[in-house]
Amino acid sequence: MWKEITIPIIFLIIGWGLGILQIMITDKKERNRKIKDTASNLLVEFKEVMPRLVSAFYSLNNSLGILKKEHIDWISQKILKYPLKVEKITEFINKLSSLSDEEVRSFSRYTMEQEEIAKSVKKFYMPILKYSLESITYLDYQTKIIEINKNFEWLNEEIENSNIFFQRTFEPGLTTDNYTRININFNKSLINITKLFKTIADCIDDFITKTENKKIK
């Protein structure tokens, strides 16, 4: 009698345990799939945006007359991994890499005097990055993803500020002092943008390197 009652209960417990184990295995497989899919999609988006960040970093620094040899060295390293879409810029960077720091600075100052600064900088929209934040529990390197997204937000805010300063330079009745003040703020904003270009590019490069080395599991 006792055995007749006990044996079904044991089988019931075993069945329940196996069911829980199956759910855990399925959840782990689903988590791994989402990690892989999200990381792969991020890689595509990040690799697409890298040439734009590097190219914009070069162009804006050069237009502001503050391009340095260390900037050219950094750009040269990045375009080896992330080729620029405009081949002429790549060729020009290669030529600049053979110059000294003073020669690069002189060239940049000359460019600033001869050419008008690119007044309008376009914002960056990263839909896959935004999606990954919604699926953050499925991602390793969460801190890095959050950091990159936050930097893009700061970048777009600074771009918006620079565009506002630029538009204000056309306000009717603007005094010389006010124009000078606005123009100074405008240039400061552009310098901040160049710094964010580099910061974001370095963060993305680090993420890509670690991901492709299969350190995200």
N, C-alpha and C. Protein backbone atom coordinates (compact mmCIF):
# COMPACT_ATOMS: atom_id res chain seq x y z
N MET A 1 0.83 -1.20 0.00
CA MET A 1 0.00 0.00 0.00
C MET A 1 0.86 1.25 0.00
N TRP A 2 1.83 1.24 0.92
CA TRP A 2 2.72 2.40 1.03
C TRP A 2 3.54 2.57 -0.26
N LYS A 3 4.04 1.42 -0.80
CA LYS A 3 4.81 1.46 -2.03
C LYS A 3 3.95 1.94 -3.19
N GLU A 4 2.70 1.53 -3.21
CA GLU A 4 1.80 1.93 -4.29
C GLU A 4 1.59 3.44 -4.31
N ILE A 5 1.67 4.08 -3.14
CA ILE A 5 1.50 5.53 -3.05
C ILE A 5 2.83 6.25 -3.32
N THR A 6 3.90 5.70 -2.76
CA THR A 6 5.22 6.36 -2.82
C THR A 6 5.79 6.40 -4.23
N ILE A 7 5.73 5.29 -4.96
CA ILE A 7 6.36 5.20 -6.27
C ILE A 7 5.80 6.24 -7.26
N PRO A 8 4.47 6.41 -7.36
CA PRO A 8 3.95 7.45 -8.27
C PRO A 8 4.42 8.86 -7.87
N ILE A 9 4.51 9.09 -6.54
CA ILE A 9 4.96 10.41 -6.08
C ILE A 9 6.42 10.65 -6.50
N ILE A 10 7.24 9.62 -6.37
CA ILE A 10 8.65 9.75 -6.77
C ILE A 10 8.76 10.06 -8.25
N PHE A 11 7.99 9.32 -9.05
CA PHE A 11 8.01 9.58 -10.49
C PHE A 11 7.50 10.98 -10.81
N LEU A 12 6.53 11.44 -10.03
CA LEU A 12 5.99 12.78 -10.23
C LEU A 12 7.05 13.84 -9.94
N ILE A 13 7.79 13.63 -8.85
CA ILE A 13 8.86 14.58 -8.48
C ILE A 13 9.96 14.57 -9.53
N ILE A 14 10.33 13.36 -9.99
CA ILE A 14 11.36 13.26 -11.02
C ILE A 14 10.92 13.97 -12.29
N GLY A 15 9.68 13.76 -12.68
CA GLY A 15 9.14 14.41 -13.88
C GLY A 15 9.13 15.92 -13.75
N TRP A 16 8.73 16.38 -12.56
CA TRP A 16 8.72 17.83 -12.30
C TRP A 16 10.13 18.40 -12.39
N GLY A 17 11.10 17.69 -11.81
CA GLY A 17 12.49 18.14 -11.84
C GLY A 17 13.04 18.18 -13.25
N LEU A 18 12.73 17.17 -14.05
CA LEU A 18 13.19 17.15 -15.44
C LEU A 18 12.56 18.29 -16.24
N GLY A 19 11.31 18.59 -15.91
CA GLY A 19 10.62 19.70 -16.60
C GLY A 19 11.31 21.04 -16.31
N ILE A 20 11.66 21.25 -15.04
CA ILE A 20 12.35 22.48 -14.64
C ILE A 20 13.71 22.56 -15.33
N LEU A 21 14.42 21.42 -15.38
CA LEU A 21 15.73 21.38 -16.02
C LEU A 21 15.62 21.72 -17.50
N GLN A 22 14.58 21.20 -18.16
CA GLN A 22 14.38 21.48 -19.58
C GLN A 22 14.13 22.97 -19.81
N ILE A 23 13.35 23.57 -18.92
CA ILE A 23 13.07 25.01 -19.04
C ILE A 23 14.35 25.82 -18.88
N MET A 24 15.20 25.41 -17.92
CA MET A 24 16.46 26.12 -17.69
C MET A 24 17.38 26.01 -18.90
N ILE A 25 17.44 24.82 -19.49
CA ILE A 25 18.27 24.61 -20.68
C ILE A 25 17.76 25.46 -21.84
N THR A 26 16.44 25.47 -22.01
CA THR A 26 15.83 26.26 -23.09
C THR A 26 16.08 27.74 -22.90
N ASP A 27 15.94 28.22 -21.66
CA ASP A 27 16.19 29.64 -21.36
C ASP A 27 17.63 30.02 -21.66
N LYS A 28 18.57 29.13 -21.30
CA LYS A 28 19.99 29.41 -21.55
C LYS A 28 20.28 29.48 -23.04
N LYS A 29 19.67 28.56 -23.81
CA LYS A 29 19.86 28.57 -25.26
C LYS A 29 19.28 29.85 -25.86
N GLU A 30 18.11 30.27 -25.37
CA GLU A 30 17.48 31.49 -25.87
C GLU A 30 18.34 32.71 -25.54
N ARG A 31 18.88 32.73 -24.32
CA ARG A 31 19.75 33.84 -23.91
C ARG A 31 20.99 33.90 -24.79
N ASN A 32 21.62 32.76 -25.03
CA ASN A 32 22.81 32.71 -25.86
C ASN A 32 22.51 33.15 -27.30
N ARG A 33 21.33 32.76 -27.79
CA ARG A 33 20.94 33.16 -29.15
C ARG A 33 20.77 34.66 -29.24
N LYS A 34 20.12 35.26 -28.22
CA LYS A 34 19.89 36.70 -28.24
C LYS A 34 21.20 37.48 -28.08
N ILE A 35 22.11 36.94 -27.27
CA ILE A 35 23.42 37.58 -27.12
C ILE A 35 24.13 37.59 -28.48
N LYS A 36 24.12 36.44 -29.15
CA LYS A 36 24.81 36.32 -30.43
C LYS A 36 24.19 37.22 -31.48
N ASP A 37 22.85 37.23 -31.57
CA ASP A 37 22.16 38.05 -32.56
C ASP A 37 22.39 39.54 -32.32
N THR A 38 22.25 39.96 -31.06
CA THR A 38 22.40 41.37 -30.75
C THR A 38 23.83 41.83 -30.97
N ALA A 39 24.79 41.03 -30.52
CA ALA A 39 26.20 41.38 -30.72
C ALA A 39 26.55 41.46 -32.20
N SER A 40 26.02 40.52 -33.00
CA SER A 40 26.29 40.52 -34.44
C SER A 40 25.71 41.76 -35.10
N ASN A 41 24.49 42.13 -34.73
CA ASN A 41 23.86 43.32 -35.29
C ASN A 41 24.58 44.59 -34.87
N LEU A 42 25.04 44.62 -33.63
CA LEU A 42 25.81 45.78 -33.15
C LEU A 42 27.12 45.92 -33.93
N LEU A 43 27.77 44.79 -34.19
CA LEU A 43 29.01 44.82 -34.95
C LEU A 43 28.80 45.46 -36.32
N VAL A 44 27.71 45.10 -36.97
CA VAL A 44 27.41 45.65 -38.29
C VAL A 44 27.21 47.16 -38.20
N GLU A 45 26.39 47.59 -37.25
CA GLU A 45 26.12 49.02 -37.10
C GLU A 45 27.37 49.80 -36.71
N PHE A 46 28.14 49.25 -35.78
CA PHE A 46 29.36 49.93 -35.33
C PHE A 46 30.39 50.04 -36.46
N LYS A 47 30.55 48.97 -37.24
CA LYS A 47 31.51 49.01 -38.34
C LYS A 47 31.08 50.00 -39.42
N GLU A 48 29.79 50.18 -39.57
CA GLU A 48 29.30 51.15 -40.55
C GLU A 48 29.53 52.59 -40.10
N VAL A 49 29.42 52.83 -38.79
CA VAL A 49 29.54 54.20 -38.30
C VAL A 49 31.00 54.62 -38.07
N MET A 50 31.91 53.67 -37.92
CA MET A 50 33.30 54.01 -37.64
C MET A 50 33.95 54.90 -38.70
N PRO A 51 33.82 54.58 -40.00
CA PRO A 51 34.42 55.46 -41.01
C PRO A 51 33.87 56.88 -40.95
N ARG A 52 32.60 57.01 -40.64
CA ARG A 52 32.00 58.34 -40.55
C ARG A 52 32.58 59.12 -39.37
N LEU A 53 32.74 58.45 -38.22
CA LEU A 53 33.32 59.11 -37.05
C LEU A 53 34.76 59.56 -37.32
N VAL A 54 35.55 58.67 -37.92
CA VAL A 54 36.96 58.97 -38.18
C VAL A 54 37.09 60.10 -39.20
N SER A 55 36.30 60.02 -40.26
CA SER A 55 36.34 61.05 -41.30
C SER A 55 35.91 62.41 -40.75
N ALA A 56 34.85 62.41 -39.93
CA ALA A 56 34.36 63.65 -39.33
C ALA A 56 35.38 64.23 -38.36
N PHE A 57 36.07 63.37 -37.63
CA PHE A 57 37.12 63.81 -36.70
C PHE A 57 38.22 64.55 -37.46
N TYR A 58 38.63 63.97 -38.57
CA TYR A 58 39.67 64.61 -39.39
C TYR A 58 39.19 65.94 -39.96
N SER A 59 38.03 65.91 -40.61
CA SER A 59 37.53 67.10 -41.31
C SER A 59 37.31 68.27 -40.38
N LEU A 60 36.71 68.01 -39.21
CA LEU A 60 36.39 69.10 -38.30
C LEU A 60 37.65 69.67 -37.65
N ASN A 61 38.55 68.80 -37.23
CA ASN A 61 39.82 69.28 -36.65
C ASN A 61 40.60 70.12 -37.67
N ASN A 62 40.61 69.65 -38.91
CA ASN A 62 41.34 70.37 -39.95
C ASN A 62 40.70 71.73 -40.24
N SER A 63 39.37 71.75 -40.33
CA SER A 63 38.67 73.00 -40.60
C SER A 63 38.83 74.01 -39.48
N LEU A 64 38.98 73.50 -38.25
CA LEU A 64 39.16 74.39 -37.10
C LEU A 64 40.61 74.86 -36.95
N GLY A 65 41.51 74.27 -37.76
CA GLY A 65 42.91 74.65 -37.69
C GLY A 65 43.65 74.07 -36.51
N ILE A 66 43.15 72.97 -35.96
CA ILE A 66 43.76 72.39 -34.75
C ILE A 66 44.24 70.95 -34.98
N LEU A 67 44.37 70.55 -36.25
CA LEU A 67 44.83 69.21 -36.56
C LEU A 67 46.29 69.04 -36.15
N LYS A 68 46.61 67.90 -35.53
CA LYS A 68 47.97 67.62 -35.06
C LYS A 68 48.47 66.30 -35.64
N LYS A 69 49.77 66.10 -35.50
CA LYS A 69 50.39 64.85 -35.94
C LYS A 69 49.78 63.66 -35.20
N GLU A 70 49.52 63.82 -33.91
CA GLU A 70 48.95 62.70 -33.13
C GLU A 70 47.56 62.35 -33.64
N HIS A 71 46.83 63.34 -34.15
CA HIS A 71 45.52 63.06 -34.74
C HIS A 71 45.68 62.21 -36.00
N ILE A 72 46.65 62.58 -36.83
CA ILE A 72 46.89 61.84 -38.08
C ILE A 72 47.30 60.40 -37.77
N ASP A 73 48.14 60.22 -36.75
CA ASP A 73 48.57 58.86 -36.37
C ASP A 73 47.38 58.03 -35.91
N TRP A 74 46.51 58.65 -35.13
CA TRP A 74 45.31 57.95 -34.64
C TRP A 74 44.40 57.59 -35.80
N ILE A 75 44.18 58.53 -36.71
CA ILE A 75 43.33 58.29 -37.88
C ILE A 75 43.91 57.18 -38.74
N SER A 76 45.22 57.20 -38.94
CA SER A 76 45.89 56.19 -39.78
C SER A 76 45.67 54.78 -39.22
N GLN A 77 45.74 54.64 -37.91
CA GLN A 77 45.51 53.34 -37.28
C GLN A 77 44.07 52.87 -37.48
N LYS A 78 43.14 53.80 -37.36
CA LYS A 78 41.72 53.44 -37.46
C LYS A 78 41.34 53.06 -38.89
N ILE A 79 41.86 53.79 -39.89
CA ILE A 79 41.42 53.50 -41.26
C ILE A 79 42.02 52.20 -41.80
N LEU A 80 43.02 51.68 -41.12
CA LEU A 80 43.52 50.35 -41.50
C LEU A 80 42.47 49.30 -41.21
N LYS A 81 41.73 49.49 -40.11
CA LYS A 81 40.68 48.53 -39.72
C LYS A 81 39.33 48.90 -40.30
N TYR A 82 39.10 50.18 -40.45
CA TYR A 82 37.79 50.66 -40.92
C TYR A 82 38.01 51.63 -42.09
N PRO A 83 38.19 51.10 -43.30
CA PRO A 83 38.49 51.94 -44.47
C PRO A 83 37.43 53.03 -44.69
N LEU A 84 37.89 54.23 -45.04
CA LEU A 84 36.99 55.34 -45.31
C LEU A 84 36.31 55.12 -46.66
N LYS A 85 35.11 55.64 -46.79
CA LYS A 85 34.35 55.46 -48.02
C LYS A 85 34.86 56.38 -49.14
N VAL A 86 35.49 57.50 -48.74
CA VAL A 86 36.06 58.42 -49.73
C VAL A 86 37.56 58.13 -49.84
N GLU A 87 37.96 57.52 -50.94
CA GLU A 87 39.34 57.07 -51.09
C GLU A 87 40.33 58.24 -51.12
N LYS A 88 39.89 59.39 -51.63
CA LYS A 88 40.79 60.55 -51.72
C LYS A 88 41.22 61.02 -50.33
N ILE A 89 40.31 60.92 -49.35
CA ILE A 89 40.66 61.31 -47.98
C ILE A 89 41.73 60.38 -47.42
N THR A 90 41.57 59.09 -47.71
CA THR A 90 42.55 58.10 -47.25
C THR A 90 43.93 58.40 -47.84
N GLU A 91 43.96 58.70 -49.13
CA GLU A 91 45.23 59.03 -49.78
C GLU A 91 45.85 60.28 -49.16
N PHE A 92 45.00 61.24 -48.84
CA PHE A 92 45.49 62.49 -48.25
C PHE A 92 46.04 62.25 -46.85
N ILE A 93 45.35 61.41 -46.09
CA ILE A 93 45.82 61.07 -44.73
C ILE A 93 47.18 60.39 -44.81
N ASN A 94 47.35 59.50 -45.76
CA ASN A 94 48.62 58.81 -45.93
C ASN A 94 49.76 59.79 -46.23
N LYS A 95 49.46 60.82 -47.00
CA LYS A 95 50.47 61.84 -47.30
C LYS A 95 50.79 62.66 -46.05
N LEU A 96 49.75 63.01 -45.29
CA LEU A 96 49.96 63.80 -44.08
C LEU A 96 50.74 63.04 -43.02
N SER A 97 50.63 61.72 -43.04
CA SER A 97 51.30 60.90 -42.01
C SER A 97 52.83 60.98 -42.10
N SER A 98 53.33 61.41 -43.26
CA SER A 98 54.78 61.53 -43.44
C SER A 98 55.30 62.90 -42.98
N LEU A 99 54.40 63.81 -42.61
CA LEU A 99 54.79 65.16 -42.20
C LEU A 99 55.10 65.21 -40.71
N SER A 100 55.83 66.22 -40.32
CA SER A 100 56.10 66.45 -38.90
C SER A 100 54.89 67.11 -38.25
N ASP A 101 54.93 67.19 -36.93
CA ASP A 101 53.81 67.81 -36.20
C ASP A 101 53.63 69.27 -36.62
N GLU A 102 54.71 70.01 -36.72
CA GLU A 102 54.62 71.42 -37.10
C GLU A 102 54.08 71.58 -38.52
N GLU A 103 54.48 70.68 -39.40
CA GLU A 103 53.98 70.74 -40.78
C GLU A 103 52.49 70.45 -40.84
N VAL A 104 52.03 69.48 -40.04
CA VAL A 104 50.60 69.17 -40.00
C VAL A 104 49.83 70.37 -39.45
N ARG A 105 50.33 70.97 -38.37
CA ARG A 105 49.67 72.12 -37.77
C ARG A 105 49.61 73.30 -38.76
N SER A 106 50.71 73.52 -39.47
CA SER A 106 50.76 74.62 -40.46
C SER A 106 49.75 74.38 -41.58
N PHE A 107 49.69 73.14 -42.03
CA PHE A 107 48.71 72.79 -43.08
C PHE A 107 47.29 73.04 -42.59
N SER A 108 47.00 72.66 -41.35
CA SER A 108 45.66 72.82 -40.80
C SER A 108 45.30 74.29 -40.65
N ARG A 109 46.25 75.09 -40.19
CA ARG A 109 45.99 76.54 -40.06
C ARG A 109 45.75 77.17 -41.43
N TYR A 110 46.51 76.72 -42.41
CA TYR A 110 46.33 77.22 -43.77
C TYR A 110 44.93 76.86 -44.29
N THR A 111 44.52 75.61 -44.04
CA THR A 111 43.20 75.15 -44.46
C THR A 111 42.10 76.00 -43.83
N MET A 112 42.26 76.29 -42.52
CA MET A 112 41.26 77.09 -41.81
C MET A 112 41.15 78.48 -42.44
N GLU A 113 42.27 79.05 -42.85
CA GLU A 113 42.26 80.40 -43.42
C GLU A 113 41.70 80.42 -44.84
N GLN A 114 41.89 79.32 -45.57
CA GLN A 114 41.50 79.28 -46.97
C GLN A 114 40.08 78.75 -47.18
N GLU A 115 39.62 77.92 -46.26
CA GLU A 115 38.32 77.28 -46.44
C GLU A 115 37.37 77.64 -45.31
N GLU A 116 36.10 77.62 -45.61
CA GLU A 116 35.10 77.89 -44.59
C GLU A 116 34.87 76.64 -43.76
N ILE A 117 34.75 76.82 -42.45
CA ILE A 117 34.51 75.69 -41.55
C ILE A 117 33.18 75.02 -41.89
N ALA A 118 33.19 73.71 -41.85
CA ALA A 118 31.93 72.98 -42.05
C ALA A 118 31.01 73.32 -40.90
N LYS A 119 30.05 74.19 -41.17
CA LYS A 119 29.24 74.76 -40.10
C LYS A 119 28.21 73.79 -39.54
N SER A 120 27.75 72.89 -40.36
CA SER A 120 26.67 72.00 -39.93
C SER A 120 27.18 70.57 -39.77
N VAL A 121 26.99 70.01 -38.58
CA VAL A 121 27.37 68.63 -38.30
C VAL A 121 26.09 67.83 -38.10
N LYS A 122 25.97 66.72 -38.81
CA LYS A 122 24.75 65.92 -38.72
C LYS A 122 24.77 65.02 -37.48
N LYS A 123 23.60 64.83 -36.92
CA LYS A 123 23.47 63.96 -35.76
C LYS A 123 23.65 62.50 -36.16
N PHE A 124 23.90 61.68 -35.15
CA PHE A 124 24.10 60.25 -35.36
C PHE A 124 22.91 59.48 -34.78
N TYR A 125 22.31 58.63 -35.62
CA TYR A 125 21.19 57.81 -35.17
C TYR A 125 21.61 56.35 -35.20
N MET A 126 21.48 55.69 -34.05
CA MET A 126 21.96 54.31 -33.89
C MET A 126 20.80 53.42 -33.43
N PRO A 127 19.92 53.00 -34.33
CA PRO A 127 18.73 52.22 -33.95
C PRO A 127 19.05 50.87 -33.29
N ILE A 128 20.06 50.18 -33.78
CA ILE A 128 20.39 48.87 -33.20
C ILE A 128 20.95 49.04 -31.80
N LEU A 129 21.76 50.07 -31.61
CA LEU A 129 22.29 50.37 -30.28
C LEU A 129 21.15 50.65 -29.32
N LYS A 130 20.15 51.40 -29.77
CA LYS A 130 18.99 51.70 -28.92
C LYS A 130 18.24 50.42 -28.57
N TYR A 131 18.09 49.55 -29.55
CA TYR A 131 17.40 48.28 -29.30
C TYR A 131 18.15 47.44 -28.29
N SER A 132 19.48 47.44 -28.39
CA SER A 132 20.29 46.62 -27.49
C SER A 132 20.12 47.05 -26.04
N LEU A 133 19.83 48.34 -25.83
CA LEU A 133 19.60 48.81 -24.47
C LEU A 133 18.31 48.22 -23.90
N GLU A 134 17.34 48.02 -24.78
CA GLU A 134 16.08 47.40 -24.34
C GLU A 134 16.29 45.93 -24.02
N SER A 135 17.29 45.32 -24.65
CA SER A 135 17.59 43.90 -24.41
C SER A 135 18.85 43.76 -23.56
N ILE A 136 19.10 44.74 -22.72
CA ILE A 136 20.36 44.83 -22.01
C ILE A 136 20.65 43.60 -21.14
N THR A 137 19.59 42.94 -20.65
CA THR A 137 19.80 41.77 -19.79
C THR A 137 20.38 40.60 -20.58
N TYR A 138 20.31 40.68 -21.91
CA TYR A 138 20.83 39.60 -22.74
C TYR A 138 22.26 39.88 -23.23
N LEU A 139 22.84 40.99 -22.78
CA LEU A 139 24.16 41.38 -23.27
C LEU A 139 25.22 41.33 -22.19
N ASP A 140 26.40 40.82 -22.54
CA ASP A 140 27.58 41.02 -21.71
C ASP A 140 28.15 42.38 -22.09
N TYR A 141 29.16 42.85 -21.37
CA TYR A 141 29.73 44.16 -21.60
C TYR A 141 28.65 45.25 -21.56
N GLN A 142 27.74 45.12 -20.60
CA GLN A 142 26.65 46.08 -20.49
C GLN A 142 27.17 47.49 -20.26
N THR A 143 28.20 47.62 -19.43
CA THR A 143 28.76 48.94 -19.11
C THR A 143 29.27 49.62 -20.37
N LYS A 144 29.93 48.86 -21.25
CA LYS A 144 30.47 49.43 -22.48
C LYS A 144 29.35 49.89 -23.41
N ILE A 145 28.28 49.11 -23.52
CA ILE A 145 27.15 49.47 -24.36
C ILE A 145 26.49 50.75 -23.84
N ILE A 146 26.29 50.82 -22.54
CA ILE A 146 25.68 52.00 -21.94
C ILE A 146 26.57 53.22 -22.14
N GLU A 147 27.88 53.03 -21.99
CA GLU A 147 28.83 54.13 -22.17
C GLU A 147 28.80 54.67 -23.60
N ILE A 148 28.79 53.78 -24.58
CA ILE A 148 28.74 54.21 -25.98
C ILE A 148 27.46 54.97 -26.27
N ASN A 149 26.34 54.43 -25.79
CA ASN A 149 25.06 55.09 -26.03
C ASN A 149 25.02 56.48 -25.39
N LYS A 150 25.52 56.58 -24.16
CA LYS A 150 25.52 57.86 -23.45
C LYS A 150 26.39 58.87 -24.19
N ASN A 151 27.53 58.42 -24.71
CA ASN A 151 28.41 59.33 -25.47
C ASN A 151 27.75 59.81 -26.76
N PHE A 152 27.00 58.92 -27.41
CA PHE A 152 26.26 59.34 -28.61
C PHE A 152 25.20 60.38 -28.25
N GLU A 153 24.56 60.21 -27.10
CA GLU A 153 23.57 61.19 -26.65
C GLU A 153 24.22 62.54 -26.41
N TRP A 154 25.39 62.53 -25.73
CA TRP A 154 26.13 63.77 -25.50
C TRP A 154 26.56 64.41 -26.82
N LEU A 155 27.00 63.56 -27.75
CA LEU A 155 27.43 64.06 -29.05
C LEU A 155 26.28 64.76 -29.77
N ASN A 156 25.13 64.14 -29.81
CA ASN A 156 23.99 64.73 -30.50
C ASN A 156 23.51 66.02 -29.81
N GLU A 157 23.62 66.05 -28.49
CA GLU A 157 23.28 67.28 -27.77
C GLU A 157 24.24 68.40 -28.14
N GLU A 158 25.52 68.06 -28.23
CA GLU A 158 26.53 69.07 -28.58
C GLU A 158 26.36 69.53 -30.02
N ILE A 159 26.01 68.61 -30.90
CA ILE A 159 25.74 68.97 -32.30
C ILE A 159 24.56 69.93 -32.37
N GLU A 160 23.53 69.65 -31.58
CA GLU A 160 22.36 70.54 -31.52
C GLU A 160 22.78 71.92 -31.02
N ASN A 161 23.62 71.95 -29.98
CA ASN A 161 24.10 73.24 -29.45
C ASN A 161 24.88 74.01 -30.51
N SER A 162 25.75 73.31 -31.23
CA SER A 162 26.56 73.98 -32.25
C SER A 162 25.69 74.56 -33.35
N ASN A 163 24.66 73.83 -33.73
CA ASN A 163 23.75 74.33 -34.77
C ASN A 163 22.99 75.56 -34.30
N ILE A 164 22.64 75.58 -33.01
CA ILE A 164 21.95 76.74 -32.45
C ILE A 164 22.88 77.96 -32.47
N PHE A 165 24.13 77.77 -32.02
CA PHE A 165 25.10 78.87 -32.04
C PHE A 165 25.31 79.38 -33.46
N PHE A 166 25.38 78.44 -34.41
CA PHE A 166 25.59 78.83 -35.80
C PHE A 166 24.43 79.68 -36.31
N GLN A 167 23.20 79.24 -36.03
CA GLN A 167 22.02 80.00 -36.47
C GLN A 167 21.97 81.38 -35.83
N ARG A 168 22.44 81.47 -34.60
CA ARG A 168 22.40 82.75 -33.89
C ARG A 168 23.34 83.79 -34.51
N THR A 169 24.36 83.33 -35.21
CA THR A 169 25.29 84.28 -35.85
C THR A 169 24.60 85.06 -36.96
N PHE A 170 23.44 84.60 -37.39
CA PHE A 170 22.69 85.29 -38.46
C PHE A 170 21.56 86.16 -37.92
N GLU A 171 21.45 86.28 -36.60
CA GLU A 171 20.38 87.08 -36.02
C GLU A 171 20.54 88.55 -36.43
N PRO A 172 19.44 89.18 -36.86
CA PRO A 172 19.51 90.59 -37.25
C PRO A 172 19.81 91.49 -36.04
N GLY A 173 20.58 92.55 -36.28
CA GLY A 173 20.87 93.52 -35.22
C GLY A 173 21.88 93.03 -34.21
N LEU A 174 22.61 91.97 -34.52
CA LEU A 174 23.58 91.42 -33.59
C LEU A 174 24.80 92.35 -33.49
N THR A 175 25.16 92.72 -32.29
CA THR A 175 26.33 93.60 -32.10
C THR A 175 27.61 92.81 -32.34
N THR A 176 28.69 93.53 -32.56
CA THR A 176 29.98 92.89 -32.79
C THR A 176 30.41 92.06 -31.59
N ASP A 177 30.19 92.60 -30.37
CA ASP A 177 30.56 91.87 -29.16
C ASP A 177 29.77 90.58 -29.02
N ASN A 178 28.46 90.67 -29.27
CA ASN A 178 27.62 89.48 -29.15
C ASN A 178 27.97 88.45 -30.22
N TYR A 179 28.28 88.92 -31.43
CA TYR A 179 28.67 88.00 -32.50
C TYR A 179 29.95 87.27 -32.12
N THR A 180 30.91 88.02 -31.58
CA THR A 180 32.18 87.41 -31.17
C THR A 180 31.96 86.38 -30.08
N ARG A 181 31.10 86.71 -29.11
CA ARG A 181 30.81 85.80 -28.00
C ARG A 181 30.15 84.51 -28.50
N ILE A 182 29.18 84.68 -29.39
CA ILE A 182 28.48 83.51 -29.94
C ILE A 182 29.43 82.65 -30.76
N ASN A 183 30.29 83.31 -31.54
CA ASN A 183 31.23 82.59 -32.39
C ASN A 183 32.23 81.80 -31.54
N ILE A 184 32.65 82.36 -30.42
CA ILE A 184 33.56 81.65 -29.50
C ILE A 184 32.87 80.41 -28.95
N ASN A 185 31.62 80.55 -28.54
CA ASN A 185 30.86 79.40 -28.03
C ASN A 185 30.65 78.35 -29.12
N PHE A 186 30.43 78.83 -30.33
CA PHE A 186 30.25 77.93 -31.47
C PHE A 186 31.50 77.08 -31.69
N ASN A 187 32.67 77.72 -31.67
CA ASN A 187 33.92 77.00 -31.88
C ASN A 187 34.23 76.05 -30.73
N LYS A 188 33.90 76.46 -29.50
CA LYS A 188 34.08 75.57 -28.34
C LYS A 188 33.22 74.33 -28.49
N SER A 189 32.01 74.53 -28.97
CA SER A 189 31.10 73.40 -29.16
C SER A 189 31.65 72.45 -30.22
N LEU A 190 32.20 72.99 -31.30
CA LEU A 190 32.78 72.14 -32.34
C LEU A 190 33.98 71.35 -31.83
N ILE A 191 34.79 71.99 -30.99
CA ILE A 191 35.95 71.29 -30.40
C ILE A 191 35.48 70.14 -29.51
N ASN A 192 34.43 70.39 -28.74
CA ASN A 192 33.86 69.32 -27.91
C ASN A 192 33.37 68.16 -28.77
N ILE A 193 32.81 68.48 -29.93
CA ILE A 193 32.33 67.45 -30.85
C ILE A 193 33.48 66.60 -31.35
N THR A 194 34.61 67.23 -31.69
CA THR A 194 35.76 66.46 -32.17
C THR A 194 36.25 65.49 -31.10
N LYS A 195 36.24 65.93 -29.85
CA LYS A 195 36.68 65.07 -28.75
C LYS A 195 35.75 63.87 -28.58
N LEU A 196 34.45 64.12 -28.74
CA LEU A 196 33.48 63.04 -28.62
C LEU A 196 33.59 62.06 -29.79
N PHE A 197 33.90 62.57 -30.99
CA PHE A 197 34.15 61.67 -32.12
C PHE A 197 35.21 60.64 -31.75
N LYS A 198 36.31 61.10 -31.19
CA LYS A 198 37.43 60.22 -30.85
C LYS A 198 37.07 59.28 -29.70
N THR A 199 36.43 59.82 -28.68
CA THR A 199 36.04 58.99 -27.53
C THR A 199 35.13 57.85 -27.95
N ILE A 200 34.14 58.17 -28.75
CA ILE A 200 33.18 57.15 -29.19
C ILE A 200 33.86 56.12 -30.09
N ALA A 201 34.70 56.60 -31.01
CA ALA A 201 35.40 55.68 -31.92
C ALA A 201 36.29 54.71 -31.14
N ASP A 202 36.98 55.20 -30.12
CA ASP A 202 37.83 54.32 -29.30
C ASP A 202 36.99 53.29 -28.55
N CYS A 203 35.86 53.72 -28.02
CA CYS A 203 34.96 52.79 -27.29
C CYS A 203 34.42 51.71 -28.22
N ILE A 204 34.01 52.12 -29.41
CA ILE A 204 33.46 51.17 -30.38
C ILE A 204 34.54 50.20 -30.84
N ASP A 205 35.73 50.72 -31.11
CA ASP A 205 36.85 49.86 -31.53
C ASP A 205 37.15 48.81 -30.47
N ASP A 206 37.12 49.21 -29.21
CA ASP A 206 37.37 48.27 -28.11
C ASP A 206 36.29 47.20 -28.06
N PHE A 207 35.03 47.61 -28.24
CA PHE A 207 33.92 46.65 -28.23
C PHE A 207 34.06 45.66 -29.38
N ILE A 208 34.35 46.16 -30.58
CA ILE A 208 34.49 45.29 -31.75
C ILE A 208 35.63 44.28 -31.55
N THR A 209 36.75 44.76 -31.06
CA THR A 209 37.92 43.89 -30.84
C THR A 209 37.59 42.76 -29.87
N LYS A 210 36.98 43.11 -28.74
CA LYS A 210 36.65 42.10 -27.73
C LYS A 210 35.59 41.14 -28.23
N THR A 211 34.63 41.65 -28.99
CA THR A 211 33.57 40.78 -29.50
C THR A 211 34.12 39.80 -30.52
N GLU A 212 34.95 40.30 -31.43
CA GLU A 212 35.49 39.43 -32.48
C GLU A 212 36.52 38.44 -31.92
N ASN A 213 37.08 38.75 -30.76
CA ASN A 213 37.96 37.80 -30.10
C ASN A 213 37.19 36.81 -29.24
N LYS A 214 35.86 36.86 -29.37
CA LYS A 214 34.96 35.93 -28.68
C LYS A 214 35.07 36.02 -27.16
N LYS A 215 35.25 37.24 -26.69
CA LYS A 215 35.28 37.44 -25.24
C LYS A 215 33.89 37.72 -24.70
N ILE A 216 32.94 37.95 -25.61
CA ILE A 216 31.54 38.04 -25.21
C ILE A 216 30.94 36.66 -25.39
N LYS A 217 30.54 36.06 -24.30
CA LYS A 217 30.08 34.66 -24.34
C LYS A 217 28.60 34.58 -24.01
